[in-house]
C-alpha atoms as a PDB file:
ATOM      1  CA  MET A   1     -65.548 108.768 -12.872  1.00  0.00           C
ATOM      2  CA  LYS A   2     -65.026 111.916 -11.142  1.00  0.00           C
ATOM      3  CA  ASN A   3     -66.187 112.352  -7.392  1.00  0.00           C
ATOM      4  CA  ASN A   4     -68.931 114.787  -6.771  1.00  0.00           C
ATOM      5  CA  ILE A   5     -66.963 116.784  -4.350  1.00  0.00           C
ATOM      6  CA  SER A   6     -64.656 119.974  -4.850  1.00  0.00           C
ATOM      7  CA  PRO A   7     -61.186 119.471  -6.384  1.00  0.00           C
ATOM      8  CA  ASP A   8     -59.485 120.177  -2.680  1.00  0.00           C
ATOM      9  CA  GLY A   9     -62.286 118.319  -1.043  1.00  0.00           C
ATOM     10  CA  SER A  10     -63.064 119.197   2.485  1.00  0.00           C
ATOM     11  CA  ILE A  11     -61.710 116.543   5.030  1.00  0.00           C
ATOM     12  CA  SER A  12     -65.089 115.582   6.083  1.00  0.00           C
ATOM     13  CA  GLU A  13     -65.992 115.076   2.492  1.00  0.00           C
ATOM     14  CA  LEU A  14     -62.859 112.941   1.944  1.00  0.00           C
ATOM     15  CA  MET A  15     -63.591 110.595   4.860  1.00  0.00           C
ATOM     16  CA  GLU A  16     -67.150 109.936   3.580  1.00  0.00           C
ATOM     17  CA  LEU A  17     -65.515 109.250   0.035  1.00  0.00           C
ATOM     18  CA  LEU A  18     -62.888 107.093   1.762  1.00  0.00           C
ATOM     19  CA  ARG A  19     -64.833 105.191   4.182  1.00  0.00           C
ATOM     20  CA  GLY A  20     -64.561 101.388   3.699  1.00  0.00           C
ATOM     21  CA  LYS A  21     -61.533 101.815   1.568  1.00  0.00           C
ATOM     22  CA  GLU A  22     -59.006 102.676   4.546  1.00  0.00           C
ATOM     23  CA  ASN A  23     -56.950  99.673   3.583  1.00  0.00           C
ATOM     24  CA  ASP A  24     -57.447  99.740  -0.313  1.00  0.00           C
ATOM     25  CA  LEU A  25     -54.399 101.526  -1.607  1.00  0.00           C
ATOM     26  CA  ASP A  26     -56.029 100.805  -5.242  1.00  0.00           C
ATOM     27  CA  ALA A  27     -58.731 102.921  -4.261  1.00  0.00           C
ATOM     28  CA  ILE A  28     -56.708 105.512  -2.388  1.00  0.00           C
ATOM     29  CA  ILE A  29     -54.188 106.485  -4.741  1.00  0.00           C
ATOM     30  CA  PRO A  30     -56.826 107.844  -7.582  1.00  0.00           C
ATOM     31  CA  ILE A  31     -58.406 109.765  -4.944  1.00  0.00           C
ATOM     32  CA  ALA A  32     -55.067 111.208  -3.727  1.00  0.00           C
ATOM     33  CA  ARG A  33     -54.203 112.051  -7.463  1.00  0.00           C
ATOM     34  CA  GLU A  34     -57.486 113.991  -7.981  1.00  0.00           C
ATOM     35  CA  HIS A  35     -57.379 115.774  -4.505  1.00  0.00           C
ATOM     36  CA  ALA A  36     -54.731 117.099  -2.360  1.00  0.00           C
ATOM     37  CA  PRO A  37     -52.737 114.140  -1.020  1.00  0.00           C
ATOM     38  CA  LEU A  38     -52.185 115.713   2.337  1.00  0.00           C
ATOM     39  CA  ASN A  39     -55.945 115.994   2.883  1.00  0.00           C
ATOM     40  CA  VAL A  40     -56.412 112.507   1.827  1.00  0.00           C
ATOM     41  CA  LYS A  41     -54.013 111.473   4.496  1.00  0.00           C
ATOM     42  CA  ILE A  42     -55.382 113.534   7.168  1.00  0.00           C
ATOM     43  CA  ALA A  43     -58.985 112.235   6.100  1.00  0.00           C
ATOM     44  CA  LEU A  44     -57.473 108.480   6.477  1.00  0.00           C
ATOM     45  CA  LEU A  45     -56.172 109.583   9.851  1.00  0.00           C
ATOM     46  CA  GLY A  46     -59.617 110.968  10.976  1.00  0.00           C
ATOM     47  CA  LEU A  47     -61.188 107.523  10.011  1.00  0.00           C
ATOM     48  CA  SER A  48     -58.581 105.684  11.771  1.00  0.00           C
ATOM     49  CA  CYS A  49     -59.118 107.643  14.885  1.00  0.00           C
ATOM     50  CA  GLU A  50     -62.868 107.422  14.777  1.00  0.00           C
ATOM     51  CA  LYS A  51     -62.634 103.644  15.364  1.00  0.00           C
ATOM     52  CA  ARG A  52     -60.632 104.117  18.588  1.00  0.00           C
ATOM     53  CA  ILE A  53     -61.865 107.306  20.029  1.00  0.00           C
ATOM     54  CA  TYR A  54     -64.378 105.553  22.172  1.00  0.00           C
ATOM     55  CA  ASN A  55     -61.943 102.929  23.547  1.00  0.00           C
ATOM     56  CA  PRO A  56     -63.768 102.288  26.942  1.00  0.00           C
ATOM     57  CA  HIS A  57     -60.513 100.944  28.932  1.00  0.00           C
ATOM     58  CA  TRP A  58     -59.446 104.288  30.290  1.00  0.00           C
ATOM     59  CA  ILE A  59     -56.356 103.478  32.524  1.00  0.00           C
ATOM     60  CA  GLY A  60     -54.994 100.049  30.913  1.00  0.00           C
ATOM     61  CA  CYS A  61     -53.144  97.152  32.639  1.00  0.00           C
ATOM     62  CA  PRO A  62     -50.548  98.224  32.812  1.00  0.00           C
ATOM     63  CA  PRO A  63     -51.073 102.048  32.054  1.00  0.00           C
ATOM     64  CA  SER A  64     -49.868 103.153  28.738  1.00  0.00           C
ATOM     65  CA  VAL A  65     -47.581 105.779  27.174  1.00  0.00           C
ATOM     66  CA  PHE A  66     -47.717 107.151  23.578  1.00  0.00           C
ATOM     67  CA  LEU A  67     -44.122 108.674  22.973  1.00  0.00           C
ATOM     68  CA  SER A  68     -44.288 111.699  20.347  1.00  0.00           C
ATOM     69  CA  TYR A  69     -41.575 113.680  18.969  1.00  0.00           C
ATOM     70  CA  LYS A  70     -40.346 115.211  15.645  1.00  0.00           C
ATOM     71  CA  TRP A  71     -37.870 112.580  14.036  1.00  0.00           C
ATOM     72  CA  ASN A  72     -34.856 114.811  13.228  1.00  0.00           C
ATOM     73  CA  GLY A  73     -32.373 112.044  12.422  1.00  0.00           C
ATOM     74  CA  PRO A  74     -30.910 108.816  14.256  1.00  0.00           C
ATOM     75  CA  GLU A  75     -29.774 110.788  17.146  1.00  0.00           C
ATOM     76  CA  SER A  76     -33.356 111.971  17.984  1.00  0.00           C
ATOM     77  CA  ARG A  77     -34.759 108.417  17.777  1.00  0.00           C
ATOM     78  CA  ASP A  78     -31.843 107.137  19.938  1.00  0.00           C
ATOM     79  CA  TYR A  79     -32.562 109.754  22.684  1.00  0.00           C
ATOM     80  CA  VAL A  80     -36.253 108.906  22.501  1.00  0.00           C
ATOM     81  CA  ALA A  81     -35.482 105.296  22.824  1.00  0.00           C
ATOM     82  CA  LEU A  82     -33.734 106.260  26.277  1.00  0.00           C
ATOM     83  CA  VAL A  83     -37.096 107.639  27.325  1.00  0.00           C
ATOM     84  CA  HIS A  84     -38.849 104.536  26.099  1.00  0.00           C
ATOM     85  CA  ASP A  85     -36.389 102.409  28.303  1.00  0.00           C
ATOM     86  CA  TYR A  86     -36.810 104.442  31.244  1.00  0.00           C
ATOM     87  CA  LEU A  87     -40.636 104.294  31.121  1.00  0.00           C
ATOM     88  CA  VAL A  88     -40.658 100.604  30.302  1.00  0.00           C
ATOM     89  CA  SER A  89     -38.350  99.908  33.533  1.00  0.00           C
ATOM     90  CA  LYS A  90     -41.203 101.403  35.645  1.00  0.00           C
ATOM     91  CA  GLY A  91     -43.540  99.019  34.187  1.00  0.00           C
ATOM     92  CA  TYR A  92     -45.503 100.831  31.612  1.00  0.00           C
ATOM     93  CA  LYS A  93     -46.593  99.902  28.155  1.00  0.00           C
ATOM     94  CA  VAL A  94     -45.025 102.254  25.711  1.00  0.00           C
ATOM     95  CA  TYR A  95     -45.480 102.887  22.213  1.00  0.00           C
ATOM     96  CA  PHE A  96     -42.663 104.027  20.223  1.00  0.00           C
ATOM     97  CA  ASP A  97     -42.479 104.439  16.205  1.00  0.00           C
ATOM     98  CA  ARG A  98     -38.958 102.519  16.265  1.00  0.00           C
ATOM     99  CA  ASN A  99     -40.815  99.412  17.582  1.00  0.00           C
ATOM    100  CA  GLU A 100     -43.922  99.806  15.445  1.00  0.00           C
ATOM    101  CA  LEU A 101     -43.109 101.259  12.080  1.00  0.00           C
ATOM    102  CA  ASN A 102     -40.187 100.970   9.300  1.00  0.00           C
ATOM    103  CA  GLU A 103     -38.764 104.046   7.822  1.00  0.00           C
ATOM    104  CA  GLU A 104     -40.523 103.083   4.580  1.00  0.00           C
ATOM    105  CA  ALA A 105     -44.100 102.833   6.153  1.00  0.00           C
ATOM    106  CA  ASP A 106     -46.999 103.778   3.755  1.00  0.00           C
ATOM    107  CA  GLY A 107     -48.209 107.416   4.409  1.00  0.00           C
ATOM    108  CA  TYR A 108     -51.748 106.185   3.435  1.00  0.00           C
ATOM    109  CA  THR A 109     -52.413 103.470   5.440  1.00  0.00           C
ATOM    110  CA  GLU A 110     -49.553 102.461   7.920  1.00  0.00           C
ATOM    111  CA  VAL A 111     -48.969 105.964   9.406  1.00  0.00           C
ATOM    112  CA  PRO A 112     -52.484 106.888  10.087  1.00  0.00           C
ATOM    113  CA  ALA A 113     -53.197 103.619  11.667  1.00  0.00           C
ATOM    114  CA  TYR A 114     -50.017 104.074  13.628  1.00  0.00           C
ATOM    115  CA  ILE A 115     -51.261 107.576  14.729  1.00  0.00           C
ATOM    116  CA  ALA A 116     -54.671 106.478  15.507  1.00  0.00           C
ATOM    117  CA  HIS A 117     -53.352 104.309  18.387  1.00  0.00           C
ATOM    118  CA  VAL A 118     -52.876 107.599  20.376  1.00  0.00           C
ATOM    119  CA  ALA A 119     -56.363 106.901  21.344  1.00  0.00           C
ATOM    120  CA  ASP A 120     -55.505 103.696  23.085  1.00  0.00           C
ATOM    121  CA  PHE A 121     -53.215 105.109  25.647  1.00  0.00           C
ATOM    122  CA  GLN A 122     -53.549 106.932  28.946  1.00  0.00           C
ATOM    123  CA  TYR A 123     -50.589 109.431  28.397  1.00  0.00           C
ATOM    124  CA  TYR A 124     -49.450 111.094  25.580  1.00  0.00           C
ATOM    125  CA  ALA A 125     -45.747 112.146  26.172  1.00  0.00           C
ATOM    126  CA  LEU A 126     -44.400 114.998  23.781  1.00  0.00           C
ATOM    127  CA  ILE A 127     -40.850 115.343  23.730  1.00  0.00           C
ATOM    128  CA  LEU A 128     -40.439 119.199  22.991  1.00  0.00           C
ATOM    129  CA  THR A 129     -37.582 120.223  20.994  1.00  0.00           C
ATOM    130  CA  GLU A 130     -37.344 123.254  18.776  1.00  0.00           C
ATOM    131  CA  LYS A 131     -38.466 121.392  15.777  1.00  0.00           C
ATOM    132  CA  THR A 132     -41.163 119.778  17.572  1.00  0.00           C
ATOM    133  CA  ALA A 133     -42.403 123.128  18.765  1.00  0.00           C
ATOM    134  CA  ASP A 134     -42.016 124.448  15.157  1.00  0.00           C
ATOM    135  CA  TYR A 135     -44.292 121.727  13.690  1.00  0.00           C
ATOM    136  CA  ILE A 136     -46.950 121.521  16.159  1.00  0.00           C
ATOM    137  CA  THR A 137     -47.309 125.248  16.048  1.00  0.00           C
ATOM    138  CA  GLY A 138     -46.735 125.754  12.346  1.00  0.00           C
ATOM    139  CA  ARG A 139     -44.749 128.758  13.621  1.00  0.00           C
ATOM    140  CA  LYS A 140     -42.248 128.460  10.441  1.00  0.00           C
ATOM    141  CA  GLY A 141     -44.853 127.716   7.932  1.00  0.00           C
ATOM    142  CA  LYS A 142     -44.427 123.950   7.956  1.00  0.00           C
ATOM    143  CA  THR A 143     -46.060 121.092   9.463  1.00  0.00           C
ATOM    144  CA  SER A 144     -45.645 117.208   9.302  1.00  0.00           C
ATOM    145  CA  TRP A 145     -47.448 114.015  10.786  1.00  0.00           C
ATOM    146  CA  ILE A 146     -46.622 115.061  14.412  1.00  0.00           C
ATOM    147  CA  PHE A 147     -49.035 118.036  13.811  1.00  0.00           C
ATOM    148  CA  ASP A 148     -51.831 115.561  13.113  1.00  0.00           C
ATOM    149  CA  GLU A 149     -50.765 113.352  16.039  1.00  0.00           C
ATOM    150  CA  TYR A 150     -50.840 116.255  18.286  1.00  0.00           C
ATOM    151  CA  GLN A 151     -54.172 117.409  17.254  1.00  0.00           C
ATOM    152  CA  GLN A 152     -55.785 113.930  17.998  1.00  0.00           C
ATOM    153  CA  ALA A 153     -54.023 113.841  21.368  1.00  0.00           C
ATOM    154  CA  VAL A 154     -55.527 117.643  22.202  1.00  0.00           C
ATOM    155  CA  LYS A 155     -59.081 116.177  21.237  1.00  0.00           C
ATOM    156  CA  LEU A 156     -58.668 113.319  23.677  1.00  0.00           C
ATOM    157  CA  VAL A 157     -57.554 115.407  26.227  1.00  0.00           C
ATOM    158  CA  ASN A 158     -60.289 117.928  25.893  1.00  0.00           C
ATOM    159  CA  LEU A 159     -62.602 114.863  26.057  1.00  0.00           C
ATOM    160  CA  GLY A 160     -60.800 113.794  29.511  1.00  0.00           C
ATOM    161  CA  ARG A 161     -59.512 111.021  27.803  1.00  0.00           C
ATOM    162  CA  GLN A 162     -55.959 111.350  28.045  1.00  0.00           C
ATOM    163  CA  ILE A 163     -53.276 112.945  30.024  1.00  0.00           C
ATOM    164  CA  LEU A 164     -50.700 115.473  27.963  1.00  0.00           C
ATOM    165  CA  VAL A 165     -47.322 114.988  29.228  1.00  0.00           C
ATOM    166  CA  PRO A 166     -44.815 117.720  27.556  1.00  0.00           C
ATOM    167  CA  VAL A 167     -41.230 116.808  28.202  1.00  0.00           C
ATOM    168  CA  LEU A 168     -38.893 119.812  27.483  1.00  0.00           C
ATOM    169  CA  VAL A 169     -35.577 118.874  26.268  1.00  0.00           C
ATOM    170  CA  GLU A 170     -34.468 121.925  24.421  1.00  0.00           C
ATOM    171  CA  GLU A 171     -34.565 125.399  25.704  1.00  0.00           C
ATOM    172  CA  ASN A 172     -36.203 126.428  22.282  1.00  0.00           C
ATOM    173  CA  GLY A 173     -38.675 123.942  22.329  1.00  0.00           C
ATOM    174  CA  VAL A 174     -41.163 126.230  24.424  1.00  0.00           C
ATOM    175  CA  THR A 175     -44.161 127.656  22.899  1.00  0.00           C
ATOM    176  CA  ASP A 176     -46.737 130.133  23.901  1.00  0.00           C
ATOM    177  CA  PHE A 177     -48.439 127.402  25.573  1.00  0.00           C
ATOM    178  CA  PHE A 178     -45.878 125.254  26.783  1.00  0.00           C
ATOM    179  CA  THR A 179     -43.724 127.278  28.824  1.00  0.00           C
ATOM    180  CA  LYS A 180     -41.116 126.006  31.164  1.00  0.00           C
ATOM    181  CA  ASP A 181     -43.553 126.033  34.351  1.00  0.00           C
ATOM    182  CA  ARG A 182     -46.058 123.797  32.091  1.00  0.00           C
ATOM    183  CA  THR A 183     -43.845 121.235  31.235  1.00  0.00           C
ATOM    184  CA  ILE A 184     -41.392 118.596  32.804  1.00  0.00           C
ATOM    185  CA  ASP A 185     -38.440 120.449  32.206  1.00  0.00           C
ATOM    186  CA  LEU A 186     -35.125 118.078  31.591  1.00  0.00           C
ATOM    187  CA  THR A 187     -32.947 121.067  29.956  1.00  0.00           C
ATOM    188  CA  LYS A 188     -30.404 121.170  32.712  1.00  0.00           C
ATOM    189  CA  ASP A 189     -29.755 117.510  32.083  1.00  0.00           C
ATOM    190  CA  ILE A 190     -31.617 115.761  29.334  1.00  0.00           C
ATOM    191  CA  TYR A 191     -30.415 112.219  30.556  1.00  0.00           C
ATOM    192  CA  ASP A 192     -31.709 112.579  33.917  1.00  0.00           C
ATOM    193  CA  PHE A 193     -35.332 111.264  33.802  1.00  0.00           C
ATOM    194  CA  SER A 194     -36.032 111.475  37.461  1.00  0.00           C
ATOM    195  CA  PRO A 195     -38.367 114.390  36.986  1.00  0.00           C
ATOM    196  CA  LEU A 196     -40.629 112.230  35.141  1.00  0.00           C
ATOM    197  CA  ASP A 197     -40.963 110.270  38.343  1.00  0.00           C
ATOM    198  CA  ASN A 198     -43.505 112.608  39.807  1.00  0.00           C
ATOM    199  CA  LEU A 199     -46.074 111.608  37.386  1.00  0.00           C
ATOM    200  CA  PHE A 200     -44.847 107.826  36.385  1.00  0.00           C
ATOM    201  CA  TYR A 201     -44.839 106.096  39.454  1.00  0.00           C
ATOM    202  CA  PRO A 202     -43.426 102.503  39.531  1.00  0.00           C
ATOM    203  CA  VAL A 203     -46.304 100.016  38.114  1.00  0.00           C
ATOM    204  CA  ASN A 204     -46.246  96.518  39.747  1.00  0.00           C
ATOM    205  CA  PHE A 205     -49.491  95.119  38.244  1.00  0.00           C
ATOM    206  CA  LYS A 206     -49.530  93.078  35.188  1.00  0.00           C
ATOM    207  CA  LEU A 207     -51.613  90.350  33.420  1.00  0.00           C
ATOM    208  CA  SER A 208     -50.919  87.500  30.831  1.00  0.00           C
ATOM    209  CA  GLU A 209     -52.245  88.108  27.613  1.00  0.00           C
ATOM    210  CA  GLU A 210     -54.836  85.452  28.196  1.00  0.00           C
ATOM    211  CA  ALA A 211     -55.728  87.116  31.647  1.00  0.00           C
ATOM    212  CA  ARG A 212     -55.708  90.566  29.961  1.00  0.00           C
ATOM    213  CA  GLN A 213     -58.613  89.335  27.488  1.00  0.00           C
ATOM    214  CA  VAL A 214     -60.671  88.071  30.410  1.00  0.00           C
ATOM    215  CA  TYR A 215     -60.105  91.210  31.865  1.00  0.00           C
ATOM    216  CA  ASN A 216     -61.257  93.285  29.156  1.00  0.00           C
ATOM    217  CA  ASP A 217     -64.211  90.982  28.592  1.00  0.00           C
ATOM    218  CA  PHE A 218     -65.039  91.699  32.278  1.00  0.00           C
ATOM    219  CA  LEU A 219     -64.901  95.441  31.842  1.00  0.00           C
ATOM    220  CA  ASP A 220     -66.854  95.416  28.498  1.00  0.00           C
ATOM    221  CA  SER A 221     -69.725  93.570  30.459  1.00  0.00           C
ATOM    222  CA  CYS A 222     -69.406  96.144  33.281  1.00  0.00           C
ATOM    223  CA  ASP A 223     -69.822  98.957  30.672  1.00  0.00           C
ATOM    224  CA  VAL A 224     -72.884  97.178  29.239  1.00  0.00           C
ATOM    225  CA  LEU A 225     -74.621  97.087  32.705  1.00  0.00           C
ATOM    226  CA  ILE A 226     -73.730 100.649  33.513  1.00  0.00           C
ATOM    227  CA  TYR A 227     -75.097 101.718  30.162  1.00  0.00           C
ATOM    228  CA  LYS A 228     -78.455  99.858  30.992  1.00  0.00           C
ATOM    229  CA  ARG A 229     -78.441 101.186  34.506  1.00  0.00           C
ATOM    230  CA  GLN A 230     -78.563  97.540  35.978  1.00  0.00           C
ATOM    231  CA  TRP A 231     -76.960  98.408  39.126  1.00  0.00           C
ATOM    232  CA  ASN A 232     -77.955  95.291  41.315  1.00  0.00           C
ATOM    233  CA  GLN A 233     -76.666  93.044  38.346  1.00  0.00           C
ATOM    234  CA  LEU A 234     -73.441  95.156  37.976  1.00  0.00           C
ATOM    235  CA  ASN A 235     -72.709  94.889  41.798  1.00  0.00           C
ATOM    236  CA  GLU A 236     -72.947  90.868  41.459  1.00  0.00           C
ATOM    237  CA  TRP A 237     -70.785  91.069  38.167  1.00  0.00           C
ATOM    238  CA  PHE A 238     -68.228  92.908  40.560  1.00  0.00           C
ATOM    239  CA  ASN A 239     -68.235  90.196  42.877  1.00  0.00           C
ATOM    240  CA  GLN A 240     -67.780  87.583  40.349  1.00  0.00           C
ATOM    241  CA  GLY A 241     -64.727  89.879  39.020  1.00  0.00           C
ATOM    242  CA  ILE A 242     -63.200  90.308  42.545  1.00  0.00           C
ATOM    243  CA  MET A 243     -60.018  88.938  41.526  1.00  0.00           C
ATOM    244  CA  PHE A 244     -59.401  92.036  39.494  1.00  0.00           C
ATOM    245  CA  LYS A 245     -60.319  94.625  42.462  1.00  0.00           C
ATOM    246  CA  ASN A 246     -56.681  95.806  42.616  1.00  0.00           C
ATOM    247  CA  PHE A 247     -56.640  97.050  39.026  1.00  0.00           C
ATOM    248  CA  PRO A 248     -57.597 100.630  38.589  1.00  0.00           C
ATOM    249  CA  ASP A 249     -60.088 100.117  35.816  1.00  0.00           C
ATOM    250  CA  TYR A 250     -62.199  97.951  38.150  1.00  0.00           C
ATOM    251  CA  GLN A 251     -62.140 100.582  40.966  1.00  0.00           C
ATOM    252  CA  PHE A 252     -62.910 103.306  38.256  1.00  0.00           C
ATOM    253  CA  ARG A 253     -66.148 101.398  37.516  1.00  0.00           C
ATOM    254  CA  LYS A 254     -66.867 100.695  40.968  1.00  0.00           C
ATOM    255  CA  LEU A 255     -66.472 104.584  41.484  1.00  0.00           C
ATOM    256  CA  ILE A 256     -69.087 105.223  38.796  1.00  0.00           C
ATOM    257  CA  TYR A 257     -71.301 102.653  40.531  1.00  0.00           C
ATOM    258  CA  SER A 258     -70.985 104.111  43.914  1.00  0.00           C
ATOM    259  CA  ILE A 259     -71.847 107.590  42.701  1.00  0.00           C
ATOM    260  CA  CYS A 260     -74.843 106.495  40.727  1.00  0.00           C
ATOM    261  CA  THR A 261     -76.161 104.302  43.726  1.00  0.00           C
ATOM    262  CA  LYS A 262     -75.228 106.858  46.327  1.00  0.00           C
ATOM    263  CA  ASN A 263     -72.955 104.509  48.133  1.00  0.00           C
ATOM    264  CA  GLU A 264     -70.690 106.795  50.394  1.00  0.00           C
ATOM    265  CA  GLU A 265     -68.322 104.125  51.580  1.00  0.00           C
ATOM    266  CA  GLY A 266     -67.661 102.511  48.172  1.00  0.00           C
ATOM    267  CA  TYR A 267     -67.306 106.034  46.938  1.00  0.00           C
ATOM    268  CA  ASN A 268     -64.603 106.844  49.353  1.00  0.00           C
ATOM    269  CA  PHE A 269     -62.708 103.738  48.952  1.00  0.00           C
ATOM    270  CA  SER A 270     -62.870 103.766  44.923  1.00  0.00           C
ATOM    271  CA  SER A 271     -62.041 107.665  44.418  1.00  0.00           C
ATOM    272  CA  LYS A 272     -58.890 107.147  46.671  1.00  0.00           C
ATOM    273  CA  TYR A 273     -57.810 104.150  44.958  1.00  0.00           C
ATOM    274  CA  VAL A 274     -58.369 105.770  41.412  1.00  0.00           C
ATOM    275  CA  ALA A 275     -56.500 109.018  42.552  1.00  0.00           C
ATOM    276  CA  ASP A 276     -53.510 106.960  43.045  1.00  0.00           C
ATOM    277  CA  PHE A 277     -53.368 106.358  39.342  1.00  0.00           C
ATOM    278  CA  ILE A 278     -54.991 109.638  37.544  1.00  0.00           C
ATOM    279  CA  PRO A 279     -54.285 112.997  38.751  1.00  0.00           C
ATOM    280  CA  PHE A 280     -57.180 114.510  40.776  1.00  0.00           C
ATOM    281  CA  THR A 281     -58.013 117.065  38.351  1.00  0.00           C
ATOM    282  CA  GLN A 282     -58.194 114.689  35.640  1.00  0.00           C
ATOM    283  CA  ILE A 283     -60.781 112.240  37.444  1.00  0.00           C
ATOM    284  CA  SER A 284     -63.709 114.593  37.069  1.00  0.00           C
ATOM    285  CA  ARG A 285     -62.967 115.208  33.559  1.00  0.00           C
ATOM    286  CA  LEU A 286     -62.799 111.358  32.737  1.00  0.00           C
ATOM    287  CA  LEU A 287     -65.766 110.786  34.664  1.00  0.00           C
ATOM    288  CA  LYS A 288     -67.749 113.407  32.469  1.00  0.00           C
ATOM    289  CA  SER A 289     -66.316 111.881  29.241  1.00  0.00           C
ATOM    290  CA  TYR A 290     -67.732 108.626  30.541  1.00  0.00           C
ATOM    291  CA  ALA A 291     -71.018 110.030  31.516  1.00  0.00           C
ATOM    292  CA  ASP A 292     -71.331 111.756  28.066  1.00  0.00           C
ATOM    293  CA  LEU A 293     -70.451 108.450  26.147  1.00  0.00           C
ATOM    294  CA  TYR A 294     -72.729 106.449  27.811  1.00  0.00           C
ATOM    295  CA  GLN A 295     -75.434 109.334  28.862  1.00  0.00           C
ATOM    296  CA  ILE A 296     -75.570 108.228  32.451  1.00  0.00           C
ATOM    297  CA  LYS A 297     -77.976 111.041  33.832  1.00  0.00           C
ATOM    298  CA  GLU A 298     -76.923 110.171  37.600  1.00  0.00           C
ATOM    299  CA  LEU A 299     -73.228 110.836  37.025  1.00  0.00           C
ATOM    300  CA  LEU A 300     -73.927 113.819  34.861  1.00  0.00           C
ATOM    301  CA  ASP A 301     -76.032 115.385  37.634  1.00  0.00           C
ATOM    302  CA  MET A 302     -73.391 114.966  40.116  1.00  0.00           C
ATOM    303  CA  LEU A 303     -70.770 116.612  38.055  1.00  0.00           C
ATOM    304  CA  ILE A 304     -72.570 119.709  37.217  1.00  0.00           C
END
């Protein structure tokens, strides 16, 4: 039976058609045959990202990095593996396709699910080569998965949810937007990663998987209390979770609490603490994103 959408199918129409079938290849393949396969893949990516875009844990423990690059043979992957190892040595959780995907990964289910993880990370590190620049801008009339991956990251950056880190490793990797002065320029020595240290400070806090689940549950409860404007209960909850006070997501919520309750002392402490983990210009965007998501009028009024 034919679907009641145009042969090409708009992305939004295809997303609705595919909703609930994201992991069902038997359902996906006929739709891909009837409509443009690339559009179906993009629609599936959109559905995967929908589920993650409102992840409430903003910074993470430890902070995390999504490594993005245009695969160009084994050498490119070997180089990005060195960047991965450097950031891991600094204490970061780093998402790298070599560790997460095999080369035969299914383009309808596995690859969109992988790209959707962009929304889970504080940093999106874009390794800029000539080929990367070509594909994210379409300047030679070609695109690939990195284009869609990059577009998802841009949405998150514009929401204040993510920090974009362009890392220039080839002279021809610059674009109209990513000029040399807007990137971390490694072109003089692509194996000298020390310029990354200006942003990626050493991270020394970690949690076991068991403790991380407790921490995530604690943060979820904070978010519920913030959403309900239950400030007294939230303050009591902070005291119960005092063992997490040195973690940035705890202090980020304390910052929101301090703003909404006009607690100047708490605001001064938490804002300075959070600033050690988030660039200053990002904090206001992150607060606005949180305020929009949970419709916190007190926070929105302060940010106007």
